[in-house]
Amino acid sequence: MASSYRAIVVLNPTLGDEGLTALTDSIKAKVESSATIDSLDVLGMKQLAYEIEDQRNGYYVQINFTAEGDFPSELERVLNITDGVLRYLVVRIGE
């Protein structure tokens, strides 16, 4: 049975505008391959609470999607090995 999930992804701002757009599109395509995107919000540049990989700021993207139970772990695996992703969090929402 499909559940609703939210993914927050923090991208490295040193990629530049084109790199951030390309990486966001790549993540969106990965989610669309196995899930239904309910909303995708680009939250933009925000200051981090602490430095990550010598970065004080991060580019935030929030994706709400509906998927089967095994997809979120696959998405986390892909985000973990993707260059340019500083941090990510995927949680189940609702109910």
PDB file of N, CA and C in Angstrom:
ATOM      1  N   MET A   1       0.829  -1.182   0.000  1.00  0.00           N
ATOM      2  CA  MET A   1       0.000   0.000   0.000  1.00  0.00           C
ATOM      3  C   MET A   1       0.875   1.247   0.000  1.00  0.00           C
ATOM      4  N   ALA A   2       0.497   2.231  -0.777  1.00  0.00           N
ATOM      5  CA  ALA A   2       1.285   3.454  -0.908  1.00  0.00           C
ATOM      6  C   ALA A   2       1.088   4.365   0.302  1.00  0.00           C
ATOM      7  N   SER A   3       2.161   5.031   0.687  1.00  0.00           N
ATOM      8  CA  SER A   3       2.145   5.982   1.792  1.00  0.00           C
ATOM      9  C   SER A   3       2.694   7.313   1.313  1.00  0.00           C
ATOM     10  N   SER A   4       2.449   8.363   2.086  1.00  0.00           N
ATOM     11  CA  SER A   4       2.964   9.692   1.765  1.00  0.00           C
ATOM     12  C   SER A   4       4.290   9.910   2.482  1.00  0.00           C
ATOM     13  N   TYR A   5       5.214  10.522   1.780  1.00  0.00           N
ATOM     14  CA  TYR A   5       6.549  10.787   2.315  1.00  0.00           C
ATOM     15  C   TYR A   5       6.950  12.216   2.020  1.00  0.00           C
ATOM     16  N   ARG A   6       7.901  12.721   2.821  1.00  0.00           N
ATOM     17  CA  ARG A   6       8.497  14.027   2.583  1.00  0.00           C
ATOM     18  C   ARG A   6      10.008  13.860   2.600  1.00  0.00           C
ATOM     19  N   ALA A   7      10.654  14.395   1.587  1.00  0.00           N
ATOM     20  CA  ALA A   7      12.115  14.383   1.515  1.00  0.00           C
ATOM     21  C   ALA A   7      12.603  15.826   1.541  1.00  0.00           C
ATOM     22  N   ILE A   8      13.529  16.103   2.447  1.00  0.00           N
ATOM     23  CA  ILE A   8      14.204  17.389   2.486  1.00  0.00           C
ATOM     24  C   ILE A   8      15.648  17.115   2.087  1.00  0.00           C
ATOM     25  N   VAL A   9      16.108  17.804   1.067  1.00  0.00           N
ATOM     26  CA  VAL A   9      17.459  17.595   0.564  1.00  0.00           C
ATOM     27  C   VAL A   9      18.200  18.924   0.623  1.00  0.00           C
ATOM     28  N   VAL A  10      19.414  18.905   1.190  1.00  0.00           N
ATOM     29  CA  VAL A  10      20.258  20.094   1.263  1.00  0.00           C
ATOM     30  C   VAL A  10      21.391  19.904   0.259  1.00  0.00           C
ATOM     31  N   LEU A  11      21.459  20.818  -0.707  1.00  0.00           N
ATOM     32  CA  LEU A  11      22.459  20.730  -1.762  1.00  0.00           C
ATOM     33  C   LEU A  11      23.593  21.714  -1.516  1.00  0.00           C
ATOM     34  N   ASN A  12      24.758  21.396  -2.065  1.00  0.00           N
ATOM     35  CA  ASN A  12      25.943  22.229  -1.933  1.00  0.00           C
ATOM     36  C   ASN A  12      25.799  23.459  -2.827  1.00  0.00           C
ATOM     37  N   PRO A  13      25.826  24.669  -2.260  1.00  0.00           N
ATOM     38  CA  PRO A  13      25.614  25.878  -3.057  1.00  0.00           C
ATOM     39  C   PRO A  13      26.767  26.217  -4.004  1.00  0.00           C
ATOM     40  N   THR A  14      27.914  25.575  -3.851  1.00  0.00           N
ATOM     41  CA  THR A  14      29.045  25.864  -4.745  1.00  0.00           C
ATOM     42  C   THR A  14      28.831  25.299  -6.144  1.00  0.00           C
ATOM     43  N   LEU A  15      27.758  24.550  -6.355  1.00  0.00           N
ATOM     44  CA  LEU A  15      27.456  24.010  -7.683  1.00  0.00           C
ATOM     45  C   LEU A  15      27.033  25.101  -8.654  1.00  0.00           C
ATOM     46  N   GLY A  16      26.596  26.244  -8.154  1.00  0.00           N
ATOM     47  CA  GLY A  16      26.120  27.320  -9.011  1.00  0.00           C
ATOM     48  C   GLY A  16      24.676  27.081  -9.414  1.00  0.00           C
ATOM     49  N   ASP A  17      24.075  28.097 -10.031  1.00  0.00           N
ATOM     50  CA  ASP A  17      22.659  28.015 -10.390  1.00  0.00           C
ATOM     51  C   ASP A  17      22.358  26.867 -11.340  1.00  0.00           C
ATOM     52  N   GLU A  18      23.171  26.705 -12.367  1.00  0.00           N
ATOM     53  CA  GLU A  18      22.939  25.638 -13.346  1.00  0.00           C
ATOM     54  C   GLU A  18      23.114  24.261 -12.720  1.00  0.00           C
ATOM     55  N   GLY A  19      24.130  24.102 -11.891  1.00  0.00           N
ATOM     56  CA  GLY A  19      24.380  22.831 -11.226  1.00  0.00           C
ATOM     57  C   GLY A  19      23.276  22.464 -10.248  1.00  0.00           C
ATOM     58  N   LEU A  20      22.788  23.465  -9.502  1.00  0.00           N
ATOM     59  CA  LEU A  20      21.695  23.220  -8.560  1.00  0.00           C
ATOM     60  C   LEU A  20      20.417  22.825  -9.292  1.00  0.00           C
ATOM     61  N   THR A  21      20.129  23.499 -10.407  1.00  0.00           N
ATOM     62  CA  THR A  21      18.949  23.164 -11.202  1.00  0.00           C
ATOM     63  C   THR A  21      19.064  21.763 -11.777  1.00  0.00           C
ATOM     64  N   ALA A  22      20.239  21.420 -12.288  1.00  0.00           N
ATOM     65  CA  ALA A  22      20.447  20.091 -12.864  1.00  0.00           C
ATOM     66  C   ALA A  22      20.318  18.998 -11.807  1.00  0.00           C
ATOM     67  N   LEU A  23      20.884  19.225 -10.635  1.00  0.00           N
ATOM     68  CA  LEU A  23      20.804  18.230  -9.561  1.00  0.00           C
ATOM     69  C   LEU A  23      19.372  18.094  -9.037  1.00  0.00           C
ATOM     70  N   THR A  24      18.658  19.212  -8.929  1.00  0.00           N
ATOM     71  CA  THR A  24      17.253  19.170  -8.515  1.00  0.00           C
ATOM     72  C   THR A  24      16.428  18.383  -9.525  1.00  0.00           C
ATOM     73  N   ASP A  25      16.654  18.616 -10.822  1.00  0.00           N
ATOM     74  CA  ASP A  25      15.940  17.879 -11.865  1.00  0.00           C
ATOM     75  C   ASP A  25      16.271  16.395 -11.827  1.00  0.00           C
ATOM     76  N   SER A  26      17.516  16.069 -11.526  1.00  0.00           N
ATOM     77  CA  SER A  26      17.942  14.672 -11.440  1.00  0.00           C
ATOM     78  C   SER A  26      17.241  13.958 -10.281  1.00  0.00           C
ATOM     79  N   ILE A  27      17.163  14.624  -9.134  1.00  0.00           N
ATOM     80  CA  ILE A  27      16.481  14.047  -7.972  1.00  0.00           C
ATOM     81  C   ILE A  27      14.990  13.909  -8.258  1.00  0.00           C
ATOM     82  N   LYS A  28      14.413  14.925  -8.896  1.00  0.00           N
ATOM     83  CA  LYS A  28      12.991  14.872  -9.262  1.00  0.00           C
ATOM     84  C   LYS A  28      12.718  13.696 -10.197  1.00  0.00           C
ATOM     85  N   ALA A  29      13.594  13.471 -11.176  1.00  0.00           N
ATOM     86  CA  ALA A  29      13.425  12.358 -12.111  1.00  0.00           C
ATOM     87  C   ALA A  29      13.509  11.019 -11.395  1.00  0.00           C
ATOM     88  N   LYS A  30      14.415  10.900 -10.425  1.00  0.00           N
ATOM     89  CA  LYS A  30      14.545   9.658  -9.658  1.00  0.00           C
ATOM     90  C   LYS A  30      13.265   9.374  -8.879  1.00  0.00           C
ATOM     91  N   VAL A  31      12.703  10.402  -8.257  1.00  0.00           N
ATOM     92  CA  VAL A  31      11.471  10.219  -7.490  1.00  0.00           C
ATOM     93  C   VAL A  31      10.320   9.855  -8.433  1.00  0.00           C
ATOM     94  N   GLU A  32      10.235  10.541  -9.576  1.00  0.00           N
ATOM     95  CA  GLU A  32       9.162  10.272 -10.537  1.00  0.00           C
ATOM     96  C   GLU A  32       9.243   8.874 -11.139  1.00  0.00           C
ATOM     97  N   SER A  33      10.424   8.272 -11.138  1.00  0.00           N
ATOM     98  CA  SER A  33      10.583   6.948 -11.737  1.00  0.00           C
ATOM     99  C   SER A  33       9.831   5.866 -10.964  1.00  0.00           C
ATOM    100  N   SER A  34       9.639   6.066  -9.648  1.00  0.00           N
ATOM    101  CA  SER A  34       8.991   5.031  -8.837  1.00  0.00           C
ATOM    102  C   SER A  34       7.910   5.562  -7.903  1.00  0.00           C
ATOM    103  N   ALA A  35       7.609   6.850  -7.986  1.00  0.00           N
ATOM    104  CA  ALA A  35       6.632   7.444  -7.074  1.00  0.00           C
ATOM    105  C   ALA A  35       5.864   8.548  -7.787  1.00  0.00           C
ATOM    106  N   THR A  36       4.850   9.040  -7.101  1.00  0.00           N
ATOM    107  CA  THR A  36       4.063  10.160  -7.606  1.00  0.00           C
ATOM    108  C   THR A  36       4.402  11.385  -6.776  1.00  0.00           C
ATOM    109  N   ILE A  37       4.862  12.448  -7.431  1.00  0.00           N
ATOM    110  CA  ILE A  37       5.213  13.672  -6.718  1.00  0.00           C
ATOM    111  C   ILE A  37       3.941  14.471  -6.453  1.00  0.00           C
ATOM    112  N   ASP A  38       3.692  14.771  -5.182  1.00  0.00           N
ATOM    113  CA  ASP A  38       2.551  15.591  -4.791  1.00  0.00           C
ATOM    114  C   ASP A  38       2.908  17.071  -4.871  1.00  0.00           C
ATOM    115  N   SER A  39       4.124  17.414  -4.443  1.00  0.00           N
ATOM    116  CA  SER A  39       4.602  18.794  -4.560  1.00  0.00           C
ATOM    117  C   SER A  39       6.124  18.813  -4.480  1.00  0.00           C
ATOM    118  N   LEU A  40       6.700  19.796  -5.149  1.00  0.00           N
ATOM    119  CA  LEU A  40       8.142  20.016  -5.096  1.00  0.00           C
ATOM    120  C   LEU A  40       8.340  21.496  -4.821  1.00  0.00           C
ATOM    121  N   ASP A  41       8.950  21.815  -3.704  1.00  0.00           N
ATOM    122  CA  ASP A  41       9.180  23.201  -3.308  1.00  0.00           C
ATOM    123  C   ASP A  41      10.671  23.456  -3.198  1.00  0.00           C
ATOM    124  N   VAL A  42      11.139  24.459  -3.926  1.00  0.00           N
ATOM    125  CA  VAL A  42      12.527  24.888  -3.789  1.00  0.00           C
ATOM    126  C   VAL A  42      12.522  25.981  -2.729  1.00  0.00           C
ATOM    127  N   LEU A  43      13.079  25.656  -1.568  1.00  0.00           N
ATOM    128  CA  LEU A  43      13.084  26.590  -0.444  1.00  0.00           C
ATOM    129  C   LEU A  43      14.232  27.584  -0.536  1.00  0.00           C
ATOM    130  N   GLY A  44      15.203  27.292  -1.397  1.00  0.00           N
ATOM    131  CA  GLY A  44      16.295  28.226  -1.637  1.00  0.00           C
ATOM    132  C   GLY A  44      17.427  28.117  -0.639  1.00  0.00           C
ATOM    133  N   MET A  45      18.243  29.158  -0.639  1.00  0.00           N
ATOM    134  CA  MET A  45      19.440  29.197   0.178  1.00  0.00           C
ATOM    135  C   MET A  45      19.086  29.549   1.618  1.00  0.00           C
ATOM    136  N   LYS A  46      19.615  28.763   2.563  1.00  0.00           N
ATOM    137  CA  LYS A  46      19.411  29.026   3.986  1.00  0.00           C
ATOM    138  C   LYS A  46      20.727  28.777   4.723  1.00  0.00           C
ATOM    139  N   GLN A  47      20.889  29.459   5.827  1.00  0.00           N
ATOM    140  CA  GLN A  47      22.082  29.267   6.638  1.00  0.00           C
ATOM    141  C   GLN A  47      21.946  27.969   7.428  1.00  0.00           C
ATOM    142  N   LEU A  48      23.023  27.195   7.477  1.00  0.00           N
ATOM    143  CA  LEU A  48      23.039  25.940   8.215  1.00  0.00           C
ATOM    144  C   LEU A  48      23.340  26.207   9.689  1.00  0.00           C
ATOM    145  N   ALA A  49      22.892  25.314  10.541  1.00  0.00           N
ATOM    146  CA  ALA A  49      23.152  25.453  11.978  1.00  0.00           C
ATOM    147  C   ALA A  49      24.629  25.234  12.287  1.00  0.00           C
ATOM    148  N   TYR A  50      25.295  24.410  11.477  1.00  0.00           N
ATOM    149  CA  TYR A  50      26.718  24.146  11.644  1.00  0.00           C
ATOM    150  C   TYR A  50      27.310  23.857  10.277  1.00  0.00           C
ATOM    151  N   GLU A  51      28.625  23.982  10.167  1.00  0.00           N
ATOM    152  CA  GLU A  51      29.285  23.763   8.878  1.00  0.00           C
ATOM    153  C   GLU A  51      29.208  22.301   8.463  1.00  0.00           C
ATOM    154  N   ILE A  52      28.924  22.092   7.184  1.00  0.00           N
ATOM    155  CA  ILE A  52      28.945  20.769   6.579  1.00  0.00           C
ATOM    156  C   ILE A  52      29.838  20.877   5.355  1.00  0.00           C
ATOM    157  N   GLU A  53      30.917  20.099   5.339  1.00  0.00           N
ATOM    158  CA  GLU A  53      31.876  20.130   4.229  1.00  0.00           C
ATOM    159  C   GLU A  53      32.329  21.568   3.941  1.00  0.00           C
ATOM    160  N   ASP A  54      32.654  22.306   5.002  1.00  0.00           N
ATOM    161  CA  ASP A  54      33.128  23.693   4.932  1.00  0.00           C
ATOM    162  C   ASP A  54      32.103  24.659   4.350  1.00  0.00           C
ATOM    163  N   GLN A  55      30.836  24.320   4.385  1.00  0.00           N
ATOM    164  CA  GLN A  55      29.773  25.190   3.876  1.00  0.00           C
ATOM    165  C   GLN A  55      28.943  25.726   5.037  1.00  0.00           C
ATOM    166  N   ARG A  56      28.659  27.019   5.027  1.00  0.00           N
ATOM    167  CA  ARG A  56      27.811  27.646   6.046  1.00  0.00           C
ATOM    168  C   ARG A  56      26.373  27.797   5.569  1.00  0.00           C
ATOM    169  N   ASN A  57      26.139  27.636   4.248  1.00  0.00           N
ATOM    170  CA  ASN A  57      24.810  27.763   3.673  1.00  0.00           C
ATOM    171  C   ASN A  57      24.481  26.505   2.886  1.00  0.00           C
ATOM    172  N   GLY A  58      23.195  26.266   2.697  1.00  0.00           N
ATOM    173  CA  GLY A  58      22.751  25.132   1.909  1.00  0.00           C
ATOM    174  C   GLY A  58      21.540  25.510   1.078  1.00  0.00           C
ATOM    175  N   TYR A  59      21.356  24.831  -0.036  1.00  0.00           N
ATOM    176  CA  TYR A  59      20.233  25.050  -0.944  1.00  0.00           C
ATOM    177  C   TYR A  59      19.213  23.950  -0.660  1.00  0.00           C
ATOM    178  N   TYR A  60      18.054  24.328  -0.148  1.00  0.00           N
ATOM    179  CA  TYR A  60      17.062  23.364   0.323  1.00  0.00           C
ATOM    180  C   TYR A  60      15.997  23.078  -0.732  1.00  0.00           C
ATOM    181  N   VAL A  61      15.656  21.788  -0.871  1.00  0.00           N
ATOM    182  CA  VAL A  61      14.588  21.344  -1.757  1.00  0.00           C
ATOM    183  C   VAL A  61      13.711  20.382  -0.949  1.00  0.00           C
ATOM    184  N   GLN A  62      12.392  20.595  -1.005  1.00  0.00           N
ATOM    185  CA  GLN A  62      11.445  19.727  -0.307  1.00  0.00           C
ATOM    186  C   GLN A  62      10.551  19.047  -1.338  1.00  0.00           C
ATOM    187  N   ILE A  63      10.454  17.718  -1.249  1.00  0.00           N
ATOM    188  CA  ILE A  63       9.622  16.946  -2.169  1.00  0.00           C
ATOM    189  C   ILE A  63       8.645  16.112  -1.349  1.00  0.00           C
ATOM    190  N   ASN A  64       7.355  16.307  -1.601  1.00  0.00           N
ATOM    191  CA  ASN A  64       6.320  15.463  -1.013  1.00  0.00           C
ATOM    192  C   ASN A  64       5.902  14.474  -2.087  1.00  0.00           C
ATOM    193  N   PHE A  65       5.902  13.185  -1.748  1.00  0.00           N
ATOM    194  CA  PHE A  65       5.570  12.175  -2.751  1.00  0.00           C
ATOM    195  C   PHE A  65       4.840  11.001  -2.123  1.00  0.00           C
ATOM    196  N   THR A  66       4.189  10.224  -2.978  1.00  0.00           N
ATOM    197  CA  THR A  66       3.476   9.020  -2.566  1.00  0.00           C
ATOM    198  C   THR A  66       4.159   7.834  -3.224  1.00  0.00           C
ATOM    199  N   ALA A  67       4.510   6.828  -2.421  1.00  0.00           N
ATOM    200  CA  ALA A  67       5.248   5.685  -2.953  1.00  0.00           C
ATOM    201  C   ALA A  67       4.979   4.441  -2.128  1.00  0.00           C
ATOM    202  N   GLU A  68       5.401   3.317  -2.684  1.00  0.00           N
ATOM    203  CA  GLU A  68       5.353   2.055  -1.961  1.00  0.00           C
ATOM    204  C   GLU A  68       6.447   2.060  -0.894  1.00  0.00           C
ATOM    205  N   GLY A  69       6.360   1.177   0.069  1.00  0.00           N
ATOM    206  CA  GLY A  69       7.237   1.168   1.234  1.00  0.00           C
ATOM    207  C   GLY A  69       8.710   0.956   0.982  1.00  0.00           C
ATOM    208  N   ASP A  70       9.087   0.323  -0.136  1.00  0.00           N
ATOM    209  CA  ASP A  70      10.502   0.038  -0.381  1.00  0.00           C
ATOM    210  C   ASP A  70      11.225   1.173  -1.102  1.00  0.00           C
ATOM    211  N   PHE A  71      10.510   2.126  -1.680  1.00  0.00           N
ATOM    212  CA  PHE A  71      11.161   3.192  -2.447  1.00  0.00           C
ATOM    213  C   PHE A  71      11.948   4.183  -1.592  1.00  0.00           C
ATOM    214  N   PRO A  72      11.461   4.633  -0.431  1.00  0.00           N
ATOM    215  CA  PRO A  72      12.240   5.603   0.345  1.00  0.00           C
ATOM    216  C   PRO A  72      13.659   5.142   0.676  1.00  0.00           C
ATOM    217  N   SER A  73      13.851   3.876   0.978  1.00  0.00           N
ATOM    218  CA  SER A  73      15.208   3.398   1.268  1.00  0.00           C
ATOM    219  C   SER A  73      16.073   3.441   0.011  1.00  0.00           C
ATOM    220  N   GLU A  74      15.487   3.187  -1.147  1.00  0.00           N
ATOM    221  CA  GLU A  74      16.235   3.293  -2.406  1.00  0.00           C
ATOM    222  C   GLU A  74      16.597   4.754  -2.687  1.00  0.00           C
ATOM    223  N   LEU A  75      15.679   5.668  -2.427  1.00  0.00           N
ATOM    224  CA  LEU A  75      15.956   7.092  -2.614  1.00  0.00           C
ATOM    225  C   LEU A  75      17.083   7.534  -1.684  1.00  0.00           C
ATOM    226  N   GLU A  76      17.062   7.094  -0.436  1.00  0.00           N
ATOM    227  CA  GLU A  76      18.136   7.434   0.500  1.00  0.00           C
ATOM    228  C   GLU A  76      19.479   6.892   0.021  1.00  0.00           C
ATOM    229  N   ARG A  77      19.489   5.681  -0.538  1.00  0.00           N
ATOM    230  CA  ARG A  77      20.726   5.105  -1.057  1.00  0.00           C
ATOM    231  C   ARG A  77      21.285   5.970  -2.180  1.00  0.00           C
ATOM    232  N   VAL A  78      20.422   6.407  -3.088  1.00  0.00           N
ATOM    233  CA  VAL A  78      20.858   7.231  -4.215  1.00  0.00           C
ATOM    234  C   VAL A  78      21.351   8.598  -3.730  1.00  0.00           C
ATOM    235  N   LEU A  79      20.626   9.225  -2.811  1.00  0.00           N
ATOM    236  CA  LEU A  79      21.040  10.532  -2.292  1.00  0.00           C
ATOM    237  C   LEU A  79      22.368  10.435  -1.548  1.00  0.00           C
ATOM    238  N   ASN A  80      22.603   9.330  -0.873  1.00  0.00           N
ATOM    239  CA  ASN A  80      23.842   9.140  -0.113  1.00  0.00           C
ATOM    240  C   ASN A  80      25.069   9.117  -1.020  1.00  0.00           C
ATOM    241  N   ILE A  81      24.936   8.628  -2.237  1.00  0.00           N
ATOM    242  CA  ILE A  81      26.088   8.519  -3.131  1.00  0.00           C
ATOM    243  C   ILE A  81      26.131   9.617  -4.195  1.00  0.00           C
ATOM    244  N   THR A  82      25.193  10.563  -4.130  1.00  0.00           N
ATOM    245  CA  THR A  82      25.132  11.637  -5.113  1.00  0.00           C
ATOM    246  C   THR A  82      26.039  12.788  -4.695  1.00  0.00           C
ATOM    247  N   ASP A  83      26.953  13.160  -5.574  1.00  0.00           N
ATOM    248  CA  ASP A  83      27.814  14.317  -5.317  1.00  0.00           C
ATOM    249  C   ASP A  83      26.964  15.585  -5.311  1.00  0.00           C
ATOM    250  N   GLY A  84      27.237  16.479  -4.401  1.00  0.00           N
ATOM    251  CA  GLY A  84      26.502  17.734  -4.319  1.00  0.00           C
ATOM    252  C   GLY A  84      25.399  17.724  -3.273  1.00  0.00           C
ATOM    253  N   VAL A  85      25.070  16.559  -2.727  1.00  0.00           N
ATOM    254  CA  VAL A  85      24.064  16.471  -1.668  1.00  0.00           C
ATOM    255  C   VAL A  85      24.799  16.523  -0.326  1.00  0.00           C
ATOM    256  N   LEU A  86      24.522  17.574   0.452  1.00  0.00           N
ATOM    257  CA  LEU A  86      25.160  17.706   1.764  1.00  0.00           C
ATOM    258  C   LEU A  86      24.455  16.841   2.802  1.00  0.00           C
ATOM    259  N   ARG A  87      23.130  16.933   2.860  1.00  0.00           N
ATOM    260  CA  ARG A  87      22.322  16.168   3.806  1.00  0.00           C
ATOM    261  C   ARG A  87      20.960  15.901   3.190  1.00  0.00           C
ATOM    262  N   TYR A  88      20.260  14.908   3.746  1.00  0.00           N
ATOM    263  CA  TYR A  88      18.905  14.594   3.312  1.00  0.00           C
ATOM    264  C   TYR A  88      18.160  13.946   4.467  1.00  0.00           C
ATOM    265  N   LEU A  89      16.845  14.016   4.393  1.00  0.00           N
ATOM    266  CA  LEU A  89      15.990  13.352   5.376  1.00  0.00           C
ATOM    267  C   LEU A  89      14.712  12.953   4.649  1.00  0.00           C
ATOM    268  N   VAL A  90      14.360  11.684   4.752  1.00  0.00           N
ATOM    269  CA  VAL A  90      13.122  11.179   4.157  1.00  0.00           C
ATOM    270  C   VAL A  90      12.277  10.608   5.296  1.00  0.00           C
ATOM    271  N   VAL A  91      11.066  11.153   5.447  1.00  0.00           N
ATOM    272  CA  VAL A  91      10.169  10.705   6.514  1.00  0.00           C
ATOM    273  C   VAL A  91       8.784  10.400   5.954  1.00  0.00           C
ATOM    274  N   ARG A  92       8.083   9.492   6.627  1.00  0.00           N
ATOM    275  CA  ARG A  92       6.704   9.184   6.261  1.00  0.00           C
ATOM    276  C   ARG A  92       5.795  10.198   6.965  1.00  0.00           C
ATOM    277  N   ILE A  93       4.808  10.712   6.260  1.00  0.00           N
ATOM    278  CA  ILE A  93       3.905  11.705   6.844  1.00  0.00           C
ATOM    279  C   ILE A  93       2.467  11.183   6.816  1.00  0.00           C
ATOM    280  N   GLY A  94       1.628  11.806   7.582  1.00  0.00           N
ATOM    281  CA  GLY A  94       0.215  11.464   7.599  1.00  0.00           C
ATOM    282  C   GLY A  94      -0.097  10.358   8.573  1.00  0.00           C
ATOM    283  N   GLU A  95      -1.356  10.013   8.619  1.00  0.00           N
ATOM    284  CA  GLU A  95      -1.910   8.950   9.459  1.00  0.00           C
ATOM    285  C   GLU A  95      -1.358   9.029  10.840  1.00  0.00           C
TER     286      GLU A  95
END
